Amino acid sequence: MIYKSRKGDLDLSQATRLYPAVIVEMHGEIAEMSLEWGELYGDRVKIVNYVLVFDFTPLHEDVKERTVLEFETKEALVAEMQEVAKFFK
């Protein structure tokens, strides 16, 4: 299952995790939080952008192998998630 993203071809059959997240800034610190967290507390922090994380890191490995797609809006993130979801139907 090869997904052609703007960062290149991604073999979805090798993904160990696939998840949306929000990048936030609070008190000068940048952090990746769950999309649900962003929906609950987004009014208390600055939302930098939204991301879709394709994690290819083998289980129990320390070296991270991830591809992160960034989006300016939640709507753009959701649209990309819908495209990826077609591969899992």
N, C-alpha and C. Protein backbone atom coordinates (compact mmCIF):
# COMPACT_ATOMS: atom_id res chain seq x y z
N MET A 1 0.84 -1.17 0.00
CA MET A 1 0.00 0.00 0.00
C MET A 1 0.89 1.24 0.00
N ILE A 2 1.10 1.80 -1.15
CA ILE A 2 1.96 2.98 -1.27
C ILE A 2 1.08 4.23 -1.35
N TYR A 3 1.28 5.14 -0.41
CA TYR A 3 0.57 6.40 -0.42
C TYR A 3 1.53 7.47 -0.93
N LYS A 4 1.11 8.16 -1.96
CA LYS A 4 1.96 9.20 -2.56
C LYS A 4 1.67 10.52 -1.86
N SER A 5 2.54 10.89 -0.93
CA SER A 5 2.39 12.14 -0.18
C SER A 5 3.28 13.21 -0.79
N ARG A 6 3.12 14.42 -0.34
CA ARG A 6 3.97 15.50 -0.85
C ARG A 6 5.40 15.37 -0.36
N LYS A 7 5.65 14.46 0.59
CA LYS A 7 7.02 14.21 1.05
C LYS A 7 7.59 12.93 0.45
N GLY A 8 6.87 12.35 -0.49
CA GLY A 8 7.34 11.13 -1.14
C GLY A 8 6.41 9.96 -0.92
N ASP A 9 6.79 8.83 -1.46
CA ASP A 9 5.99 7.62 -1.33
C ASP A 9 6.14 7.02 0.06
N LEU A 10 5.00 6.67 0.66
CA LEU A 10 4.99 6.08 2.00
C LEU A 10 4.35 4.70 1.93
N ASP A 11 5.08 3.70 2.38
CA ASP A 11 4.57 2.33 2.39
C ASP A 11 3.74 2.13 3.65
N LEU A 12 2.44 2.24 3.52
CA LEU A 12 1.56 2.16 4.68
C LEU A 12 1.59 0.78 5.34
N SER A 13 1.96 -0.25 4.60
CA SER A 13 2.03 -1.59 5.19
C SER A 13 3.17 -1.68 6.21
N GLN A 14 4.11 -0.74 6.17
CA GLN A 14 5.23 -0.74 7.11
C GLN A 14 5.01 0.19 8.30
N ALA A 15 3.91 0.94 8.29
CA ALA A 15 3.64 1.87 9.39
C ALA A 15 3.26 1.12 10.65
N THR A 16 3.88 1.50 11.75
CA THR A 16 3.53 0.90 13.04
C THR A 16 2.51 1.75 13.78
N ARG A 17 2.47 3.05 13.46
CA ARG A 17 1.47 3.95 14.01
C ARG A 17 1.18 5.03 12.99
N LEU A 18 -0.06 5.49 12.99
CA LEU A 18 -0.48 6.57 12.12
C LEU A 18 -1.46 7.39 12.93
N TYR A 19 -1.13 8.67 13.16
CA TYR A 19 -2.00 9.46 14.03
C TYR A 19 -1.94 10.95 13.71
N PRO A 20 -3.06 11.64 13.97
CA PRO A 20 -3.08 13.10 13.83
C PRO A 20 -2.64 13.73 15.15
N ALA A 21 -2.11 14.93 15.05
CA ALA A 21 -1.70 15.64 16.26
C ALA A 21 -1.75 17.14 15.97
N VAL A 22 -1.57 17.90 17.03
CA VAL A 22 -1.52 19.35 16.91
C VAL A 22 -0.20 19.81 17.53
N ILE A 23 0.46 20.76 16.88
CA ILE A 23 1.68 21.33 17.43
C ILE A 23 1.28 22.64 18.10
N VAL A 24 1.63 22.76 19.38
CA VAL A 24 1.23 23.93 20.14
C VAL A 24 2.46 24.63 20.72
N GLU A 25 2.27 25.92 21.00
CA GLU A 25 3.30 26.70 21.68
C GLU A 25 2.67 27.26 22.95
N MET A 26 3.39 27.07 24.06
CA MET A 26 2.91 27.58 25.33
C MET A 26 4.12 27.96 26.17
N HIS A 27 4.17 29.21 26.59
CA HIS A 27 5.28 29.72 27.40
C HIS A 27 6.62 29.51 26.71
N GLY A 28 6.65 29.67 25.39
CA GLY A 28 7.89 29.55 24.63
C GLY A 28 8.30 28.13 24.30
N GLU A 29 7.55 27.16 24.74
CA GLU A 29 7.85 25.75 24.47
C GLU A 29 6.95 25.24 23.35
N ILE A 30 7.50 24.38 22.50
CA ILE A 30 6.75 23.75 21.41
C ILE A 30 6.54 22.29 21.77
N ALA A 31 5.31 21.79 21.57
CA ALA A 31 5.03 20.40 21.91
C ALA A 31 4.02 19.81 20.92
N GLU A 32 4.14 18.51 20.71
CA GLU A 32 3.17 17.77 19.91
C GLU A 32 2.16 17.17 20.89
N MET A 33 0.89 17.48 20.66
CA MET A 33 -0.18 16.98 21.52
C MET A 33 -1.20 16.25 20.65
N SER A 34 -2.03 15.44 21.28
CA SER A 34 -3.07 14.74 20.53
C SER A 34 -4.06 15.75 19.97
N LEU A 35 -4.71 15.36 18.90
CA LEU A 35 -5.71 16.22 18.30
C LEU A 35 -6.84 16.49 19.28
N GLU A 36 -7.20 15.49 20.06
CA GLU A 36 -8.26 15.64 21.06
C GLU A 36 -7.85 16.67 22.12
N TRP A 37 -6.60 16.64 22.54
CA TRP A 37 -6.10 17.61 23.51
C TRP A 37 -6.21 19.01 22.93
N GLY A 38 -5.84 19.15 21.67
CA GLY A 38 -5.91 20.44 21.00
C GLY A 38 -7.33 20.98 20.95
N GLU A 39 -8.29 20.08 20.75
CA GLU A 39 -9.69 20.51 20.73
C GLU A 39 -10.16 20.96 22.10
N LEU A 40 -9.67 20.30 23.14
CA LEU A 40 -10.08 20.65 24.50
C LEU A 40 -9.40 21.92 25.01
N TYR A 41 -8.11 22.08 24.70
CA TYR A 41 -7.33 23.17 25.31
C TYR A 41 -6.78 24.17 24.29
N GLY A 42 -7.20 24.07 23.04
CA GLY A 42 -6.67 24.94 22.00
C GLY A 42 -6.87 26.43 22.26
N ASP A 43 -7.87 26.76 23.05
CA ASP A 43 -8.11 28.17 23.35
C ASP A 43 -7.14 28.71 24.39
N ARG A 44 -6.36 27.84 25.02
CA ARG A 44 -5.41 28.24 26.07
C ARG A 44 -3.96 28.29 25.59
N VAL A 45 -3.74 27.80 24.38
CA VAL A 45 -2.38 27.75 23.82
C VAL A 45 -2.43 28.27 22.39
N LYS A 46 -1.25 28.54 21.84
CA LYS A 46 -1.17 28.93 20.44
C LYS A 46 -0.99 27.66 19.60
N ILE A 47 -1.91 27.44 18.68
CA ILE A 47 -1.78 26.29 17.78
C ILE A 47 -0.87 26.71 16.63
N VAL A 48 0.26 26.02 16.51
CA VAL A 48 1.23 26.32 15.47
C VAL A 48 0.79 25.71 14.15
N ASN A 49 0.46 24.41 14.17
CA ASN A 49 -0.08 23.74 12.99
C ASN A 49 -0.61 22.37 13.39
N TYR A 50 -1.18 21.71 12.42
CA TYR A 50 -1.71 20.36 12.59
C TYR A 50 -0.79 19.41 11.82
N VAL A 51 -0.66 18.18 12.30
CA VAL A 51 0.22 17.22 11.64
C VAL A 51 -0.43 15.85 11.54
N LEU A 52 0.00 15.11 10.54
CA LEU A 52 -0.35 13.71 10.40
C LEU A 52 0.97 12.96 10.44
N VAL A 53 1.12 12.09 11.44
CA VAL A 53 2.38 11.40 11.69
C VAL A 53 2.30 9.97 11.19
N PHE A 54 3.22 9.62 10.30
CA PHE A 54 3.38 8.25 9.83
C PHE A 54 4.62 7.71 10.53
N ASP A 55 4.43 6.82 11.48
CA ASP A 55 5.54 6.30 12.27
C ASP A 55 5.90 4.91 11.76
N PHE A 56 7.13 4.76 11.32
CA PHE A 56 7.63 3.50 10.79
C PHE A 56 8.64 2.85 11.74
N THR A 57 8.72 3.35 12.95
CA THR A 57 9.67 2.84 13.93
C THR A 57 9.28 1.42 14.35
N PRO A 58 10.19 0.45 14.20
CA PRO A 58 9.88 -0.90 14.67
C PRO A 58 9.63 -0.88 16.18
N LEU A 59 8.73 -1.74 16.62
CA LEU A 59 8.43 -1.81 18.05
C LEU A 59 9.69 -2.06 18.86
N HIS A 60 9.80 -1.41 19.98
CA HIS A 60 10.91 -1.54 20.92
C HIS A 60 12.23 -0.99 20.39
N GLU A 61 12.19 -0.13 19.38
CA GLU A 61 13.38 0.51 18.85
C GLU A 61 13.44 1.95 19.35
N ASP A 62 14.65 2.46 19.59
CA ASP A 62 14.83 3.82 20.08
C ASP A 62 14.93 4.85 18.96
N VAL A 63 15.45 4.45 17.83
CA VAL A 63 15.65 5.38 16.72
C VAL A 63 14.30 5.56 16.02
N LYS A 64 13.85 6.81 15.97
CA LYS A 64 12.55 7.12 15.37
C LYS A 64 12.64 7.22 13.86
N GLU A 65 11.74 6.56 13.18
CA GLU A 65 11.60 6.65 11.73
C GLU A 65 10.20 7.18 11.48
N ARG A 66 10.09 8.50 11.28
CA ARG A 66 8.77 9.11 11.12
C ARG A 66 8.76 10.05 9.93
N THR A 67 7.61 10.13 9.32
CA THR A 67 7.36 11.15 8.31
C THR A 67 6.18 11.97 8.82
N VAL A 68 6.34 13.27 8.84
CA VAL A 68 5.31 14.16 9.39
C VAL A 68 4.84 15.11 8.29
N LEU A 69 3.55 15.09 8.03
CA LEU A 69 2.94 16.03 7.09
C LEU A 69 2.31 17.15 7.89
N GLU A 70 2.60 18.39 7.54
CA GLU A 70 2.10 19.55 8.29
C GLU A 70 0.98 20.25 7.53
N PHE A 71 0.01 20.79 8.29
CA PHE A 71 -1.14 21.47 7.72
C PHE A 71 -1.43 22.73 8.51
N GLU A 72 -1.89 23.76 7.82
CA GLU A 72 -2.21 25.01 8.49
C GLU A 72 -3.57 24.97 9.18
N THR A 73 -4.48 24.12 8.67
CA THR A 73 -5.82 24.06 9.25
C THR A 73 -6.21 22.63 9.59
N LYS A 74 -7.14 22.52 10.50
CA LYS A 74 -7.66 21.20 10.87
C LYS A 74 -8.40 20.58 9.69
N GLU A 75 -9.08 21.41 8.91
CA GLU A 75 -9.82 20.92 7.75
C GLU A 75 -8.90 20.27 6.73
N ALA A 76 -7.74 20.87 6.50
CA ALA A 76 -6.76 20.30 5.57
C ALA A 76 -6.23 18.97 6.10
N LEU A 77 -6.01 18.89 7.41
CA LEU A 77 -5.57 17.64 8.03
C LEU A 77 -6.62 16.56 7.84
N VAL A 78 -7.86 16.88 8.12
CA VAL A 78 -8.94 15.90 7.99
C VAL A 78 -9.09 15.42 6.55
N ALA A 79 -8.95 16.33 5.59
CA ALA A 79 -9.02 15.95 4.19
C ALA A 79 -7.93 14.95 3.83
N GLU A 80 -6.72 15.17 4.33
CA GLU A 80 -5.61 14.23 4.07
C GLU A 80 -5.86 12.90 4.76
N MET A 81 -6.40 12.94 5.98
CA MET A 81 -6.72 11.71 6.70
C MET A 81 -7.75 10.88 5.92
N GLN A 82 -8.72 11.54 5.29
CA GLN A 82 -9.72 10.84 4.50
C GLN A 82 -9.10 10.16 3.29
N GLU A 83 -8.10 10.82 2.68
CA GLU A 83 -7.39 10.20 1.55
C GLU A 83 -6.62 8.97 2.00
N VAL A 84 -5.95 9.06 3.12
CA VAL A 84 -5.17 7.92 3.64
C VAL A 84 -6.12 6.78 4.03
N ALA A 85 -7.27 7.12 4.60
CA ALA A 85 -8.22 6.11 5.06
C ALA A 85 -8.70 5.22 3.91
N LYS A 86 -8.72 5.74 2.70
CA LYS A 86 -9.15 4.95 1.54
C LYS A 86 -8.28 3.69 1.36
N PHE A 87 -7.04 3.75 1.81
CA PHE A 87 -6.14 2.61 1.69
C PHE A 87 -6.49 1.50 2.67
N PHE A 88 -7.27 1.78 3.68
CA PHE A 88 -7.58 0.81 4.72
C PHE A 88 -8.99 0.26 4.62
N LYS A 89 -9.69 0.59 3.52
CA LYS A 89 -11.07 0.10 3.34
C LYS A 89 -11.07 -1.23 2.65
